[in-house]
Amino acid sequence: MTGAATATDCNWEVNGNIGCAVTSNAANSFGPSFNGVGGGWYAIERASDFISVWFWERGSSAVPGS
């Protein structure tokens, strides 16, 4: 993970369904700065035991091929 966890106890029954929030290190991942770079791409992988999310700015050379 390249982000920073904002909670370490992800038990929804105890913590009111806050989940395991992570702040992104990508400064342009939302809001006006996201719009300013022309947007980007989010990819989500959902499995029975995890969810993964990736973000790439538009024009990033790290975007995987389709």
Protein backbone atom coordinates (compact mmCIF):
# COMPACT_ATOMS: atom_id res chain seq x y z
CA MET A 1 0.00 0.00 0.00
CA THR A 2 1.30 3.45 -0.85
CA GLY A 3 -1.35 5.44 1.05
CA ALA A 4 -1.69 6.03 4.77
CA ALA A 5 -4.22 4.10 6.87
CA THR A 6 -6.59 6.36 8.82
CA ALA A 7 -7.88 3.50 10.99
CA THR A 8 -6.39 0.18 11.98
CA ASP A 9 -9.47 -1.49 13.47
CA CYS A 10 -11.77 -2.13 10.50
CA ASN A 11 -14.46 -4.02 12.42
CA TRP A 12 -17.69 -2.42 11.22
CA GLU A 13 -19.66 -3.77 14.18
CA VAL A 14 -17.39 -1.93 16.61
CA ASN A 15 -16.59 1.24 14.67
CA GLY A 16 -19.89 2.05 12.98
CA ASN A 17 -18.99 0.87 9.47
CA ILE A 18 -16.08 3.27 8.89
CA GLY A 19 -14.12 0.54 7.15
CA CYS A 20 -10.38 0.67 6.60
CA ALA A 21 -9.99 4.15 5.16
CA VAL A 22 -6.75 5.04 3.41
CA THR A 23 -5.63 8.50 2.35
CA SER A 24 -4.00 8.68 -1.06
CA ASN A 25 -0.50 9.98 -1.68
CA ALA A 26 -1.71 11.14 -5.11
CA ALA A 27 -2.34 14.87 -4.76
CA ASN A 28 -4.46 14.96 -7.92
CA SER A 29 -6.85 12.12 -7.08
CA PHE A 30 -10.00 14.25 -6.54
CA GLY A 31 -11.48 17.74 -6.63
CA PRO A 32 -10.14 20.78 -8.47
CA SER A 33 -6.60 19.38 -8.76
CA PHE A 34 -8.04 16.18 -10.33
CA ASN A 35 -9.89 18.33 -12.86
CA GLY A 36 -6.79 20.46 -13.39
CA VAL A 37 -4.73 17.50 -14.65
CA GLY A 38 -7.53 16.36 -16.95
CA GLY A 39 -8.85 13.59 -14.71
CA GLY A 40 -7.50 10.10 -14.38
CA TRP A 41 -8.43 6.47 -13.92
CA TYR A 42 -9.55 4.41 -10.96
CA ALA A 43 -9.54 0.63 -11.05
CA ILE A 44 -11.20 -1.52 -8.41
CA GLU A 45 -10.71 -5.22 -7.76
CA ARG A 46 -13.33 -6.79 -5.52
CA ALA A 47 -12.95 -10.31 -4.16
CA SER A 48 -14.69 -12.19 -1.37
CA ASP A 49 -11.94 -11.30 1.11
CA PHE A 50 -10.54 -7.94 -0.07
CA ILE A 51 -11.04 -4.82 -2.16
CA SER A 52 -8.14 -3.09 -3.92
CA VAL A 53 -8.26 0.36 -5.52
CA TRP A 54 -5.67 1.93 -7.85
CA PHE A 55 -5.47 5.46 -9.23
CA TRP A 56 -3.49 6.93 -12.13
CA GLU A 57 -3.44 10.53 -13.31
CA ARG A 58 -4.29 11.12 -16.95
CA GLY A 59 -1.09 10.83 -18.98
CA SER A 60 0.67 8.64 -16.40
CA SER A 61 3.15 6.22 -17.94
CA ALA A 62 2.28 3.71 -15.20
CA VAL A 63 -1.26 2.97 -16.47
CA PRO A 64 -1.43 -0.75 -17.31
CA GLY A 65 -2.36 -1.77 -20.86
CA SER A 66 -5.80 -3.08 -21.58
